Amino acid sequence: TDLFAAAILPGLMLAFLYVTYTLVRCWLN
């Protein structure tokens, strides 16, 4: 249960990094 709780924010952070990177690149090009 602790590992599940601990993995939520890192997982969402990585998903946010993917989205930000792709959308910024599409905004520039």
PDB file of all heavy atoms in Angstrom:
ATOM      1  N   THR A   1       0.834  -1.211   0.000  1.00  0.00           N
ATOM      2  CA  THR A   1       0.000   0.000   0.000  1.00  0.00           C
ATOM      3  C   THR A   1       0.865   1.257   0.000  1.00  0.00           C
ATOM      4  O   THR A   1       0.544   2.244  -0.670  1.00  0.00           O
ATOM      5  CB  THR A   1      -0.921   0.018   1.226  1.00  0.00           C
ATOM      6  OG1 THR A   1      -0.151  -0.259   2.404  1.00  0.00           O
ATOM      7  CG2 THR A   1      -2.013  -1.026   1.113  1.00  0.00           C
ATOM      8  N   ASP A   2       1.973   1.217   0.740  1.00  0.00           N
ATOM      9  CA  ASP A   2       2.890   2.368   0.769  1.00  0.00           C
ATOM     10  C   ASP A   2       3.552   2.570  -0.593  1.00  0.00           C
ATOM     11  O   ASP A   2       3.732   3.710  -1.042  1.00  0.00           O
ATOM     12  CB  ASP A   2       3.965   2.169   1.844  1.00  0.00           C
ATOM     13  CG  ASP A   2       3.420   2.349   3.256  1.00  0.00           C
ATOM     14  OD1 ASP A   2       2.264   2.806   3.385  1.00  0.00           O
ATOM     15  OD2 ASP A   2       4.131   2.028   4.225  1.00  0.00           O
ATOM     16  N   LEU A   3       3.934   1.470  -1.234  1.00  0.00           N
ATOM     17  CA  LEU A   3       4.567   1.586  -2.553  1.00  0.00           C
ATOM     18  C   LEU A   3       3.575   2.107  -3.589  1.00  0.00           C
ATOM     19  O   LEU A   3       3.936   2.909  -4.457  1.00  0.00           O
ATOM     20  CB  LEU A   3       5.123   0.227  -2.993  1.00  0.00           C
ATOM     21  CG  LEU A   3       6.327  -0.302  -2.214  1.00  0.00           C
ATOM     22  CD1 LEU A   3       6.808  -1.618  -2.793  1.00  0.00           C
ATOM     23  CD2 LEU A   3       7.471   0.709  -2.196  1.00  0.00           C
ATOM     24  N   PHE A   4       2.331   1.653  -3.500  1.00  0.00           N
ATOM     25  CA  PHE A   4       1.301   2.163  -4.408  1.00  0.00           C
ATOM     26  C   PHE A   4       1.132   3.670  -4.253  1.00  0.00           C
ATOM     27  O   PHE A   4       1.090   4.420  -5.228  1.00  0.00           O
ATOM     28  CB  PHE A   4      -0.032   1.465  -4.143  1.00  0.00           C
ATOM     29  CG  PHE A   4      -0.179   0.119  -4.807  1.00  0.00           C
ATOM     30  CD1 PHE A   4       0.873  -0.444  -5.522  1.00  0.00           C
ATOM     31  CD2 PHE A   4      -1.356  -0.592  -4.718  1.00  0.00           C
ATOM     32  CE1 PHE A   4       0.748  -1.683  -6.131  1.00  0.00           C
ATOM     33  CE2 PHE A   4      -1.500  -1.832  -5.335  1.00  0.00           C
ATOM     34  CZ  PHE A   4      -0.443  -2.374  -6.034  1.00  0.00           C
ATOM     35  N   ALA A   5       1.028   4.104  -2.999  1.00  0.00           N
ATOM     36  CA  ALA A   5       0.857   5.538  -2.736  1.00  0.00           C
ATOM     37  C   ALA A   5       2.085   6.328  -3.204  1.00  0.00           C
ATOM     38  O   ALA A   5       1.959   7.414  -3.781  1.00  0.00           O
ATOM     39  CB  ALA A   5       0.622   5.770  -1.244  1.00  0.00           C
ATOM     40  N   ALA A   6       3.269   5.750  -2.978  1.00  0.00           N
ATOM     41  CA  ALA A   6       4.504   6.449  -3.341  1.00  0.00           C
ATOM     42  C   ALA A   6       4.674   6.584  -4.846  1.00  0.00           C
ATOM     43  O   ALA A   6       5.317   7.533  -5.320  1.00  0.00           O
ATOM     44  CB  ALA A   6       5.704   5.699  -2.756  1.00  0.00           C
ATOM     45  N   ALA A   7       4.109   5.666  -5.617  1.00  0.00           N
ATOM     46  CA  ALA A   7       4.315   5.665  -7.073  1.00  0.00           C
ATOM     47  C   ALA A   7       3.388   6.616  -7.812  1.00  0.00           C
ATOM     48  O   ALA A   7       3.633   6.930  -8.983  1.00  0.00           O
ATOM     49  CB  ALA A   7       4.133   4.245  -7.611  1.00  0.00           C
ATOM     50  N   ILE A   8       2.337   7.097  -7.160  1.00  0.00           N
ATOM     51  CA  ILE A   8       1.332   7.906  -7.870  1.00  0.00           C
ATOM     52  C   ILE A   8       1.930   9.221  -8.375  1.00  0.00           C
ATOM     53  O   ILE A   8       1.829   9.549  -9.568  1.00  0.00           O
ATOM     54  CB  ILE A   8       0.120   8.174  -6.951  1.00  0.00           C
ATOM     55  CG1 ILE A   8      -0.656   6.877  -6.725  1.00  0.00           C
ATOM     56  CG2 ILE A   8      -0.805   9.223  -7.581  1.00  0.00           C
ATOM     57  CD1 ILE A   8      -1.777   6.997  -5.717  1.00  0.00           C
ATOM     58  N   LEU A   9       2.545  10.000  -7.488  1.00  0.00           N
ATOM     59  CA  LEU A   9       3.085  11.306  -7.900  1.00  0.00           C
ATOM     60  C   LEU A   9       4.219  11.178  -8.919  1.00  0.00           C
ATOM     61  O   LEU A   9       4.230  11.910  -9.918  1.00  0.00           O
ATOM     62  CB  LEU A   9       3.534  12.104  -6.679  1.00  0.00           C
ATOM     63  CG  LEU A   9       2.414  12.661  -5.780  1.00  0.00           C
ATOM     64  CD1 LEU A   9       2.999  13.484  -4.638  1.00  0.00           C
ATOM     65  CD2 LEU A   9       1.434  13.515  -6.592  1.00  0.00           C
ATOM     66  N   PRO A  10       5.195  10.259  -8.716  1.00  0.00           N
ATOM     67  CA  PRO A  10       6.224  10.102  -9.761  1.00  0.00           C
ATOM     68  C   PRO A  10       5.636   9.701 -11.110  1.00  0.00           C
ATOM     69  O   PRO A  10       6.071  10.191 -12.156  1.00  0.00           O
ATOM     70  CB  PRO A  10       7.119   8.984  -9.204  1.00  0.00           C
ATOM     71  CG  PRO A  10       6.966   9.092  -7.725  1.00  0.00           C
ATOM     72  CD  PRO A  10       5.536   9.482  -7.506  1.00  0.00           C
ATOM     73  N   GLY A  11       4.615   8.815 -11.104  1.00  0.00           N
ATOM     74  CA  GLY A  11       3.989   8.406 -12.355  1.00  0.00           C
ATOM     75  C   GLY A  11       3.312   9.567 -13.066  1.00  0.00           C
ATOM     76  O   GLY A  11       3.467   9.754 -14.277  1.00  0.00           O
ATOM     77  N   LEU A  12       2.560  10.363 -12.293  1.00  0.00           N
ATOM     78  CA  LEU A  12       1.887  11.534 -12.874  1.00  0.00           C
ATOM     79  C   LEU A  12       2.900  12.583 -13.323  1.00  0.00           C
ATOM     80  O   LEU A  12       2.695  13.261 -14.333  1.00  0.00           O
ATOM     81  CB  LEU A  12       0.915  12.125 -11.853  1.00  0.00           C
ATOM     82  CG  LEU A  12      -0.293  11.242 -11.487  1.00  0.00           C
ATOM     83  CD1 LEU A  12      -1.137  11.926 -10.414  1.00  0.00           C
ATOM     84  CD2 LEU A  12      -1.133  10.931 -12.718  1.00  0.00           C
ATOM     85  N   MET A  13       3.997  12.715 -12.571  1.00  0.00           N
ATOM     86  CA  MET A  13       5.039  13.670 -12.949  1.00  0.00           C
ATOM     87  C   MET A  13       5.649  13.302 -14.303  1.00  0.00           C
ATOM     88  O   MET A  13       5.842  14.161 -15.174  1.00  0.00           O
ATOM     89  CB  MET A  13       6.136  13.697 -11.881  1.00  0.00           C
ATOM     90  CG  MET A  13       7.316  14.614 -12.227  1.00  0.00           C
ATOM     91  SD  MET A  13       8.696  14.452 -11.063  1.00  0.00           S
ATOM     92  CE  MET A  13       9.327  12.829 -11.473  1.00  0.00           C
ATOM     93  N   LEU A  14       5.923  12.016 -14.501  1.00  0.00           N
ATOM     94  CA  LEU A  14       6.497  11.572 -15.771  1.00  0.00           C
ATOM     95  C   LEU A  14       5.505  11.774 -16.920  1.00  0.00           C
ATOM     96  O   LEU A  14       5.885  12.224 -18.010  1.00  0.00           O
ATOM     97  CB  LEU A  14       6.911  10.102 -15.675  1.00  0.00           C
ATOM     98  CG  LEU A  14       8.127   9.828 -14.782  1.00  0.00           C
ATOM     99  CD1 LEU A  14       8.300   8.333 -14.558  1.00  0.00           C
ATOM    100  CD2 LEU A  14       9.395  10.414 -15.390  1.00  0.00           C
ATOM    101  N   ALA A  15       4.228  11.449 -16.670  1.00  0.00           N
ATOM    102  CA  ALA A  15       3.202  11.672 -17.703  1.00  0.00           C
ATOM    103  C   ALA A  15       3.115  13.154 -18.055  1.00  0.00           C
ATOM    104  O   ALA A  15       2.982  13.525 -19.230  1.00  0.00           O
ATOM    105  CB  ALA A  15       1.851  11.154 -17.210  1.00  0.00           C
ATOM    106  N   PHE A  16       3.214  14.027 -17.042  1.00  0.00           N
ATOM    107  CA  PHE A  16       3.185  15.477 -17.261  1.00  0.00           C
ATOM    108  C   PHE A  16       4.399  15.926 -18.089  1.00  0.00           C
ATOM    109  O   PHE A  16       4.275  16.779 -18.984  1.00  0.00           O
ATOM    110  CB  PHE A  16       3.158  16.201 -15.915  1.00  0.00           C
ATOM    111  CG  PHE A  16       3.227  17.705 -16.026  1.00  0.00           C
ATOM    112  CD1 PHE A  16       2.106  18.427 -16.410  1.00  0.00           C
ATOM    113  CD2 PHE A  16       4.406  18.385 -15.756  1.00  0.00           C
ATOM    114  CE1 PHE A  16       2.168  19.816 -16.532  1.00  0.00           C
ATOM    115  CE2 PHE A  16       4.479  19.763 -15.869  1.00  0.00           C
ATOM    116  CZ  PHE A  16       3.354  20.484 -16.256  1.00  0.00           C
ATOM    117  N   LEU A  17       5.568  15.336 -17.809  1.00  0.00           N
ATOM    118  CA  LEU A  17       6.770  15.666 -18.579  1.00  0.00           C
ATOM    119  C   LEU A  17       6.592  15.273 -20.052  1.00  0.00           C
ATOM    120  O   LEU A  17       6.967  16.025 -20.959  1.00  0.00           O
ATOM    121  CB  LEU A  17       7.994  14.950 -17.993  1.00  0.00           C
ATOM    122  CG  LEU A  17       8.578  15.511 -16.694  1.00  0.00           C
ATOM    123  CD1 LEU A  17       9.690  14.606 -16.182  1.00  0.00           C
ATOM    124  CD2 LEU A  17       9.118  16.923 -16.902  1.00  0.00           C
ATOM    125  N   TYR A  18       6.000  14.093 -20.299  1.00  0.00           N
ATOM    126  CA  TYR A  18       5.766  13.659 -21.680  1.00  0.00           C
ATOM    127  C   TYR A  18       4.845  14.636 -22.408  1.00  0.00           C
ATOM    128  O   TYR A  18       5.122  15.055 -23.539  1.00  0.00           O
ATOM    129  CB  TYR A  18       5.106  12.270 -21.715  1.00  0.00           C
ATOM    130  CG  TYR A  18       5.860  11.149 -21.055  1.00  0.00           C
ATOM    131  CD1 TYR A  18       5.195   9.973 -20.689  1.00  0.00           C
ATOM    132  CD2 TYR A  18       7.223  11.233 -20.800  1.00  0.00           C
ATOM    133  CE1 TYR A  18       5.867   8.925 -20.089  1.00  0.00           C
ATOM    134  CE2 TYR A  18       7.899  10.191 -20.193  1.00  0.00           C
ATOM    135  CZ  TYR A  18       7.209   9.035 -19.835  1.00  0.00           C
ATOM    136  OH  TYR A  18       7.867   8.000 -19.234  1.00  0.00           O
ATOM    137  N   VAL A  19       3.738  14.976 -21.750  1.00  0.00           N
ATOM    138  CA  VAL A  19       2.739  15.863 -22.363  1.00  0.00           C
ATOM    139  C   VAL A  19       3.339  17.242 -22.627  1.00  0.00           C
ATOM    140  O   VAL A  19       3.186  17.815 -23.717  1.00  0.00           O
ATOM    141  CB  VAL A  19       1.488  15.971 -21.465  1.00  0.00           C
ATOM    142  CG1 VAL A  19       0.583  17.102 -21.951  1.00  0.00           C
ATOM    143  CG2 VAL A  19       0.713  14.660 -21.457  1.00  0.00           C
ATOM    144  N   THR A  20       4.026  17.778 -21.633  1.00  0.00           N
ATOM    145  CA  THR A  20       4.622  19.110 -21.770  1.00  0.00           C
ATOM    146  C   THR A  20       5.626  19.148 -22.920  1.00  0.00           C
ATOM    147  O   THR A  20       5.623  20.058 -23.756  1.00  0.00           O
ATOM    148  CB  THR A  20       5.307  19.534 -20.455  1.00  0.00           C
ATOM    149  OG1 THR A  20       4.359  19.497 -19.387  1.00  0.00           O
ATOM    150  CG2 THR A  20       5.882  20.939 -20.570  1.00  0.00           C
ATOM    151  N   TYR A  21       6.489  18.132 -22.968  1.00  0.00           N
ATOM    152  CA  TYR A  21       7.519  18.075 -24.001  1.00  0.00           C
ATOM    153  C   TYR A  21       6.899  18.031 -25.401  1.00  0.00           C
ATOM    154  O   TYR A  21       7.291  18.794 -26.300  1.00  0.00           O
ATOM    155  CB  TYR A  21       8.405  16.850 -23.773  1.00  0.00           C
ATOM    156  CG  TYR A  21       9.442  16.629 -24.860  1.00  0.00           C
ATOM    157  CD1 TYR A  21      10.551  17.463 -24.966  1.00  0.00           C
ATOM    158  CD2 TYR A  21       9.308  15.578 -25.771  1.00  0.00           C
ATOM    159  CE1 TYR A  21      11.505  17.262 -25.954  1.00  0.00           C
ATOM    160  CE2 TYR A  21      10.252  15.373 -26.764  1.00  0.00           C
ATOM    161  CZ  TYR A  21      11.340  16.217 -26.848  1.00  0.00           C
ATOM    162  OH  TYR A  21      12.279  16.022 -27.833  1.00  0.00           O
ATOM    163  N   THR A  22       5.920  17.142 -25.592  1.00  0.00           N
ATOM    164  CA  THR A  22       5.316  16.995 -26.926  1.00  0.00           C
ATOM    165  C   THR A  22       4.523  18.233 -27.333  1.00  0.00           C
ATOM    166  O   THR A  22       4.614  18.686 -28.483  1.00  0.00           O
ATOM    167  CB  THR A  22       4.409  15.752 -26.975  1.00  0.00           C
ATOM    168  OG1 THR A  22       3.488  15.774 -25.878  1.00  0.00           O
ATOM    169  CG2 THR A  22       5.226  14.475 -26.896  1.00  0.00           C
ATOM    170  N   LEU A  23       3.757  18.806 -26.395  1.00  0.00           N
ATOM    171  CA  LEU A  23       2.931  19.970 -26.746  1.00  0.00           C
ATOM    172  C   LEU A  23       3.791  21.204 -27.001  1.00  0.00           C
ATOM    173  O   LEU A  23       3.481  22.005 -27.894  1.00  0.00           O
ATOM    174  CB  LEU A  23       1.910  20.253 -25.641  1.00  0.00           C
ATOM    175  CG  LEU A  23       0.798  19.202 -25.464  1.00  0.00           C
ATOM    176  CD1 LEU A  23      -0.231  19.675 -24.451  1.00  0.00           C
ATOM    177  CD2 LEU A  23       0.117  18.895 -26.801  1.00  0.00           C
ATOM    178  N   VAL A  24       4.876  21.367 -26.240  1.00  0.00           N
ATOM    179  CA  VAL A  24       5.775  22.506 -26.468  1.00  0.00           C
ATOM    180  C   VAL A  24       6.438  22.381 -27.839  1.00  0.00           C
ATOM    181  O   VAL A  24       6.536  23.357 -28.592  1.00  0.00           O
ATOM    182  CB  VAL A  24       6.832  22.609 -25.344  1.00  0.00           C
ATOM    183  CG1 VAL A  24       7.954  23.573 -25.743  1.00  0.00           C
ATOM    184  CG2 VAL A  24       6.192  23.076 -24.054  1.00  0.00           C
ATOM    185  N   ARG A  25       6.867  21.170 -28.169  1.00  0.00           N
ATOM    186  CA  ARG A  25       7.496  20.980 -29.487  1.00  0.00           C
ATOM    187  C   ARG A  25       6.499  21.218 -30.624  1.00  0.00           C
ATOM    188  O   ARG A  25       6.856  21.764 -31.666  1.00  0.00           O
ATOM    189  CB  ARG A  25       8.073  19.561 -29.583  1.00  0.00           C
ATOM    190  CG  ARG A  25       9.336  19.373 -28.735  1.00  0.00           C
ATOM    191  CD  ARG A  25      10.202  18.262 -29.280  1.00  0.00           C
ATOM    192  NE  ARG A  25      10.665  18.556 -30.628  1.00  0.00           N
ATOM    193  CZ  ARG A  25      11.254  17.639 -31.410  1.00  0.00           C
ATOM    194  NH1 ARG A  25      11.435  16.404 -30.969  1.00  0.00           N
ATOM    195  NH2 ARG A  25      11.662  17.963 -32.614  1.00  0.00           N
ATOM    196  N   CYS A  26       5.244  20.814 -30.415  1.00  0.00           N
ATOM    197  CA  CYS A  26       4.216  21.061 -31.444  1.00  0.00           C
ATOM    198  C   CYS A  26       3.844  22.543 -31.529  1.00  0.00           C
ATOM    199  O   CYS A  26       3.475  23.032 -32.597  1.00  0.00           O
ATOM    200  CB  CYS A  26       2.964  20.236 -31.153  1.00  0.00           C
ATOM    201  SG  CYS A  26       3.191  18.475 -31.421  1.00  0.00           S
ATOM    202  N   TRP A  27       3.952  23.238 -30.413  1.00  0.00           N
ATOM    203  CA  TRP A  27       3.695  24.686 -30.410  1.00  0.00           C
ATOM    204  C   TRP A  27       4.803  25.413 -31.187  1.00  0.00           C
ATOM    205  O   TRP A  27       4.544  26.340 -31.954  1.00  0.00           O
ATOM    206  CB  TRP A  27       3.617  25.178 -28.971  1.00  0.00           C
ATOM    207  CG  TRP A  27       3.433  26.666 -28.855  1.00  0.00           C
ATOM    208  CD1 TRP A  27       2.346  27.397 -29.231  1.00  0.00           C
ATOM    209  CD2 TRP A  27       4.387  27.605 -28.339  1.00  0.00           C
ATOM    210  NE1 TRP A  27       2.547  28.732 -28.971  1.00  0.00           N
ATOM    211  CE2 TRP A  27       3.797  28.891 -28.417  1.00  0.00           C
ATOM    212  CE3 TRP A  27       5.661  27.493 -27.793  1.00  0.00           C
ATOM    213  CZ2 TRP A  27       4.442  30.037 -27.993  1.00  0.00           C
ATOM    214  CZ3 TRP A  27       6.315  28.634 -27.363  1.00  0.00           C
ATOM    215  CH2 TRP A  27       5.712  29.890 -27.462  1.00  0.00           C
ATOM    216  N   LEU A  28       6.058  24.961 -31.009  1.00  0.00           N
ATOM    217  CA  LEU A  28       7.184  25.565 -31.717  1.00  0.00           C
ATOM    218  C   LEU A  28       7.196  25.161 -33.187  1.00  0.00           C
ATOM    219  O   LEU A  28       7.604  25.928 -34.062  1.00  0.00           O
ATOM    220  CB  LEU A  28       8.504  25.147 -31.052  1.00  0.00           C
ATOM    221  CG  LEU A  28       8.730  25.655 -29.619  1.00  0.00           C
ATOM    222  CD1 LEU A  28       9.986  25.030 -29.023  1.00  0.00           C
ATOM    223  CD2 LEU A  28       8.836  27.175 -29.598  1.00  0.00           C
ATOM    224  N   ASN A  29       6.753  23.928 -33.460  1.00  0.00           N
ATOM    225  CA  ASN A  29       6.758  23.417 -34.834  1.00  0.00           C
ATOM    226  C   ASN A  29       5.485  22.598 -35.065  1.00  0.00           C
ATOM    227  O   ASN A  29       5.470  21.381 -34.877  1.00  0.00           O
ATOM    228  CB  ASN A  29       8.001  22.544 -35.064  1.00  0.00           C
ATOM    229  CG  ASN A  29       8.095  22.034 -36.498  1.00  0.00           C
ATOM    230  OD1 ASN A  29       7.277  22.390 -37.349  1.00  0.00           O
ATOM    231  ND2 ASN A  29       9.086  21.193 -36.758  1.00  0.00           N
TER     232      ASN A  29
END
